[in-house]
Amino acid sequence: MECYTSIKKKMAGMKSMTWKSKSSEDQSWENYGLRRQEQKMRAARLEKQLKARWALEELIEEQLNRFNALYNQKTMVPTRLKDVSQILMPKGSPAHELATLAWLGDWRPSAVLDLLRSLARSSSSLSMSLSDTAGIERILNQLIHDIRIEEAVIDEEMTEIQATCIFHLPFASVKDRPDGPALASVQSEFMKIHRVITKAQKLRFKALQLVVKKVLNQTDAAEFLVAFARIQDLIHQFASQHKLRKGLVSVPVKAS
């Protein structure tokens, strides 16, 4: 009888150990499942952030490509004086807009960098990113210095063309000119102007590309492109409205 009782106790103990073992195993599987679920959730959030970053990068590249197409499009070589004036002073840009910002038909490249510097000092988000690295503003100042040197070179080329083109215009009769037909001389000057404008356009895109690719991080680059587009629109709207008001004449009426 005692032997039977002992065997029964041992079997009960084995069952208890088996249950505890199964309970521990189930708990282990449950913990593993929770860890897997948490890991999947974190991976999903990370993937969402990566997709958003990739989407932002694609939008930035798309905007840069548009500026590239605008600034580096192949312009026709001018054949008439009014073609030159249209390149230097586009009819779609009001006078106040041209007088404020234009340089050989569009924004001065260094003005784009100056705009970034102003936004960095006034915008909290841009200021924070620029202050993260002490050398960023020094890099920006150096870029402005370098771009202005390139602008000065282009300005000198254009000044030289303006100073010497008068000697190539056909004021004298063709037979008195030893260097050939008058039209060929004028066309030569137009070609020089075209080359200068092409250099200016490439420098504009270079300045914008430096801002987006070299100076700012991805988020700030997107913010800057948005601000740049809005500022361009605001300046154009202000100049257009001023042009419309210019035609109105106010006559003071003296009360009798």
Protein backbone atom coordinates (compact mmCIF):
# COMPACT_ATOMS: atom_id res chain seq x y z
CA MET A 1 0.00 0.00 0.00
CA GLU A 2 2.83 2.36 0.88
CA CYS A 3 4.52 1.44 -2.41
CA TYR A 4 1.37 2.34 -4.36
CA THR A 5 1.11 5.66 -2.53
CA SER A 6 4.72 6.46 -3.30
CA ILE A 7 4.29 5.66 -6.99
CA LYS A 8 1.16 7.82 -7.11
CA LYS A 9 3.02 10.75 -5.56
CA LYS A 10 5.86 10.38 -8.04
CA MET A 11 3.41 10.36 -10.97
CA ALA A 12 1.70 13.45 -9.61
CA GLY A 13 5.08 15.16 -9.28
CA MET A 14 5.96 14.25 -12.85
CA LYS A 15 2.63 15.64 -14.07
CA SER A 16 3.27 18.82 -12.13
CA MET A 17 6.74 19.13 -13.64
CA THR A 18 5.33 18.48 -17.12
CA TRP A 19 2.65 21.15 -16.62
CA LYS A 20 5.21 23.61 -15.35
CA SER A 21 7.44 22.80 -18.32
CA LYS A 22 4.57 23.34 -20.75
CA SER A 23 3.57 26.52 -18.95
CA SER A 24 7.15 27.84 -19.18
CA GLU A 25 7.32 26.87 -22.85
CA ASP A 26 4.02 28.58 -23.59
CA GLN A 27 5.23 31.70 -21.77
CA SER A 28 8.43 31.63 -23.78
CA TRP A 29 6.50 31.37 -27.05
CA GLU A 30 4.18 34.18 -25.93
CA ASN A 31 7.14 36.45 -25.14
CA TYR A 32 8.72 35.55 -28.46
CA GLY A 33 5.48 36.43 -30.25
CA LEU A 34 5.28 39.77 -28.48
CA ARG A 35 8.89 40.55 -29.37
CA ARG A 36 8.25 39.63 -33.00
CA GLN A 37 5.14 41.80 -33.10
CA GLU A 38 6.99 44.74 -31.58
CA GLN A 39 9.86 44.25 -34.02
CA LYS A 40 7.44 44.22 -36.97
CA MET A 41 5.79 47.43 -35.74
CA ARG A 42 9.15 49.16 -35.42
CA ALA A 43 10.21 47.94 -38.86
CA ALA A 44 6.93 49.20 -40.33
CA ARG A 45 7.44 52.66 -38.78
CA LEU A 46 11.01 52.76 -40.04
CA GLU A 47 9.90 51.72 -43.52
CA LYS A 48 7.27 54.47 -43.49
CA GLN A 49 9.89 57.05 -42.55
CA LEU A 50 12.23 55.78 -45.25
CA LYS A 51 9.47 55.97 -47.85
CA ALA A 52 8.69 59.53 -46.77
CA ARG A 53 12.39 60.39 -47.02
CA TRP A 54 12.65 58.80 -50.45
CA ALA A 55 9.53 60.64 -51.58
CA LEU A 56 11.00 63.93 -50.32
CA GLU A 57 14.27 63.21 -52.09
CA GLU A 58 12.41 62.53 -55.33
CA LEU A 59 10.48 65.81 -55.00
CA ILE A 60 13.70 67.76 -54.40
CA GLU A 61 15.34 66.14 -57.43
CA GLU A 62 12.26 66.90 -59.51
CA GLN A 63 12.37 70.56 -58.50
CA LEU A 64 16.11 70.77 -59.20
CA ASN A 65 15.56 69.19 -62.61
CA ARG A 66 12.99 71.87 -63.41
CA PHE A 67 15.47 74.61 -62.52
CA ASN A 68 18.12 72.79 -64.53
CA ALA A 69 15.81 72.71 -67.54
CA LEU A 70 15.00 76.39 -67.05
CA TYR A 71 18.57 77.62 -66.62
CA ASN A 72 20.35 75.25 -68.98
CA GLN A 73 17.88 75.16 -71.82
CA LYS A 74 19.41 75.85 -75.20
CA THR A 75 18.50 79.40 -76.12
CA MET A 76 18.50 80.56 -79.69
CA VAL A 77 21.37 82.79 -80.74
CA PRO A 78 19.92 86.30 -81.10
CA THR A 79 19.73 87.60 -84.63
CA ARG A 80 18.21 91.03 -83.89
CA LEU A 81 18.78 93.69 -81.25
CA LYS A 82 15.29 93.13 -79.84
CA ASP A 83 16.19 89.47 -79.34
CA VAL A 84 19.03 90.58 -77.08
CA SER A 85 16.77 92.87 -75.07
CA GLN A 86 14.25 90.05 -74.64
CA ILE A 87 16.98 87.81 -73.20
CA LEU A 88 18.34 90.47 -70.85
CA MET A 89 14.97 91.95 -69.89
CA PRO A 90 12.17 89.39 -70.41
CA LYS A 91 8.81 90.95 -71.22
CA GLY A 92 7.09 88.77 -68.62
CA SER A 93 9.07 90.42 -65.81
CA PRO A 94 7.86 93.86 -64.68
CA ALA A 95 10.41 96.66 -64.42
CA HIS A 96 10.54 96.71 -60.61
CA GLU A 97 11.22 92.97 -60.54
CA LEU A 98 14.07 93.34 -63.01
CA ALA A 99 15.53 96.34 -61.21
CA THR A 100 15.45 94.58 -57.84
CA LEU A 101 16.81 91.14 -58.58
CA ALA A 102 17.64 90.60 -62.24
CA TRP A 103 21.13 89.92 -63.48
CA LEU A 104 21.40 89.22 -67.19
CA GLY A 105 17.77 88.21 -67.39
CA ASP A 106 17.16 86.44 -64.06
CA TRP A 107 18.21 86.17 -60.41
CA ARG A 108 21.79 87.00 -59.52
CA PRO A 109 23.35 83.72 -58.28
CA SER A 110 24.82 85.26 -55.13
CA ALA A 111 21.35 86.61 -54.28
CA VAL A 112 20.16 83.01 -53.94
CA LEU A 113 22.89 82.37 -51.36
CA ASP A 114 22.14 85.67 -49.61
CA LEU A 115 18.50 84.61 -49.43
CA LEU A 116 19.50 81.38 -47.70
CA ARG A 117 21.59 83.32 -45.19
CA SER A 118 18.65 85.62 -44.43
CA LEU A 119 16.24 82.70 -44.07
CA ALA A 120 18.70 80.89 -41.80
CA ARG A 121 18.73 83.86 -39.45
CA SER A 122 14.96 84.35 -39.44
CA SER A 123 13.60 80.78 -39.69
CA SER A 124 13.82 78.71 -36.51
CA SER A 125 14.09 75.38 -38.30
CA LEU A 126 16.83 76.50 -40.69
CA SER A 127 18.68 78.31 -37.89
CA MET A 128 18.69 75.17 -35.79
CA SER A 129 20.19 73.01 -38.53
CA LEU A 130 22.80 75.59 -39.45
CA SER A 131 23.83 76.08 -35.83
CA ASP A 132 24.43 72.36 -35.42
CA THR A 133 27.79 72.79 -37.16
CA ALA A 134 29.79 75.90 -36.47
CA GLY A 135 31.50 75.79 -39.87
CA ILE A 136 28.32 75.77 -41.95
CA GLU A 137 27.91 79.54 -42.02
CA ARG A 138 31.60 79.98 -42.85
CA ILE A 139 31.11 77.56 -45.75
CA LEU A 140 28.12 79.62 -46.91
CA ASN A 141 30.13 82.85 -46.71
CA GLN A 142 32.92 81.24 -48.72
CA LEU A 143 30.45 80.06 -51.36
CA ILE A 144 29.03 83.59 -51.65
CA HIS A 145 32.55 84.95 -52.06
CA ASP A 146 33.41 82.40 -54.76
CA ILE A 147 30.14 82.90 -56.65
CA ARG A 148 30.61 86.68 -56.64
CA ILE A 149 34.05 86.25 -58.19
CA GLU A 150 32.50 84.22 -61.01
CA GLU A 151 29.78 86.87 -61.39
CA ALA A 152 32.45 89.57 -61.68
CA VAL A 153 34.20 87.64 -64.45
CA ILE A 154 30.93 87.38 -66.39
CA ASP A 155 30.20 91.07 -65.76
CA GLU A 156 33.60 91.98 -67.19
CA GLU A 157 32.95 89.90 -70.30
CA MET A 158 29.61 91.61 -70.85
CA THR A 159 31.11 95.06 -70.21
CA GLU A 160 33.80 94.38 -72.78
CA ILE A 161 31.20 93.36 -75.35
CA GLN A 162 29.18 96.51 -74.66
CA ALA A 163 32.28 98.70 -74.90
CA THR A 164 33.55 97.28 -78.18
CA CYS A 165 30.38 96.32 -80.06
CA ILE A 166 29.89 99.90 -81.22
CA PHE A 167 32.93 99.49 -83.44
CA HIS A 168 31.35 96.47 -85.14
CA LEU A 169 27.97 98.02 -85.88
CA PRO A 170 27.53 98.94 -89.56
CA PHE A 171 27.47 102.72 -89.33
CA ALA A 172 30.04 102.99 -92.11
CA SER A 173 29.34 101.67 -95.56
CA VAL A 174 30.12 98.00 -96.14
CA LYS A 175 32.78 98.79 -98.75
CA ASP A 176 34.72 100.88 -96.22
CA ARG A 177 34.96 97.92 -93.78
CA PRO A 178 38.07 95.79 -94.26
CA ASP A 179 36.86 92.95 -92.01
CA GLY A 180 33.97 91.76 -94.19
CA PRO A 181 30.22 92.20 -94.34
CA ALA A 182 28.55 94.23 -91.60
CA LEU A 183 26.02 91.49 -90.84
CA ALA A 184 28.78 89.00 -90.04
CA SER A 185 30.33 91.46 -87.57
CA VAL A 186 27.01 92.02 -85.81
CA GLN A 187 26.34 88.30 -85.65
CA SER A 188 29.75 87.82 -84.05
CA GLU A 189 28.77 90.20 -81.25
CA PHE A 190 25.44 88.40 -80.81
CA MET A 191 27.31 85.12 -80.43
CA LYS A 192 29.47 86.63 -77.70
CA ILE A 193 26.37 87.82 -75.84
CA HIS A 194 24.82 84.38 -76.16
CA ARG A 195 27.91 82.75 -74.63
CA VAL A 196 27.86 85.18 -71.69
CA ILE A 197 24.16 84.52 -71.04
CA THR A 198 24.80 80.77 -71.14
CA LYS A 199 27.55 81.14 -68.52
CA ALA A 200 25.23 83.21 -66.34
CA GLN A 201 22.48 80.60 -66.53
CA LYS A 202 24.87 77.80 -65.58
CA LEU A 203 26.13 79.83 -62.63
CA ARG A 204 22.54 80.33 -61.42
CA PHE A 205 21.91 76.61 -61.37
CA LYS A 206 25.28 75.97 -59.76
CA ALA A 207 24.41 78.31 -56.86
CA LEU A 208 21.03 76.66 -56.34
CA GLN A 209 22.53 73.18 -56.54
CA LEU A 210 25.20 74.08 -53.97
CA VAL A 211 22.51 75.23 -51.55
CA VAL A 212 20.44 72.07 -51.90
CA LYS A 213 23.24 69.50 -52.17
CA LYS A 214 26.16 70.91 -50.19
CA VAL A 215 24.87 73.30 -47.53
CA LEU A 216 21.46 72.08 -46.35
CA ASN A 217 20.16 68.75 -45.18
CA GLN A 218 17.24 67.15 -47.02
CA THR A 219 14.45 68.67 -44.91
CA ASP A 220 15.93 72.19 -44.96
CA ALA A 221 16.61 71.90 -48.69
CA ALA A 222 12.93 71.19 -49.30
CA GLU A 223 11.94 74.10 -47.04
CA PHE A 224 14.32 76.42 -48.87
CA LEU A 225 12.99 75.45 -52.32
CA VAL A 226 9.44 76.16 -51.12
CA ALA A 227 10.49 79.53 -49.68
CA PHE A 228 12.44 80.41 -52.83
CA ALA A 229 9.43 79.72 -55.07
CA ARG A 230 7.11 81.73 -52.81
CA ILE A 231 9.47 84.70 -52.64
CA GLN A 232 9.81 84.73 -56.42
CA ASP A 233 6.01 84.75 -56.76
CA LEU A 234 5.59 87.50 -54.16
CA ILE A 235 8.16 89.75 -55.85
CA HIS A 236 6.55 89.18 -59.24
CA GLN A 237 3.05 89.90 -57.88
CA PHE A 238 4.22 93.08 -56.13
CA ALA A 239 5.96 94.34 -59.26
CA SER A 240 2.93 93.50 -61.44
CA GLN A 241 0.55 95.33 -59.13
CA HIS A 242 2.85 98.35 -59.03
CA LYS A 243 2.94 98.33 -62.84
CA LEU A 244 -0.87 98.40 -62.95
CA ARG A 245 -1.08 101.26 -60.44
CA LYS A 246 1.50 103.26 -62.38
CA GLY A 247 -1.02 104.01 -65.12
CA LEU A 248 -3.52 105.60 -62.73
CA VAL A 249 -3.39 109.36 -62.38
CA SER A 250 -4.81 111.01 -59.28
CA VAL A 251 -5.91 114.63 -59.55
CA PRO A 252 -6.44 116.46 -56.25
CA VAL A 253 -9.77 118.29 -56.11
CA LYS A 254 -9.83 121.55 -54.19
CA ALA A 255 -12.99 122.12 -52.23
CA SER A 256 -14.72 125.37 -53.05
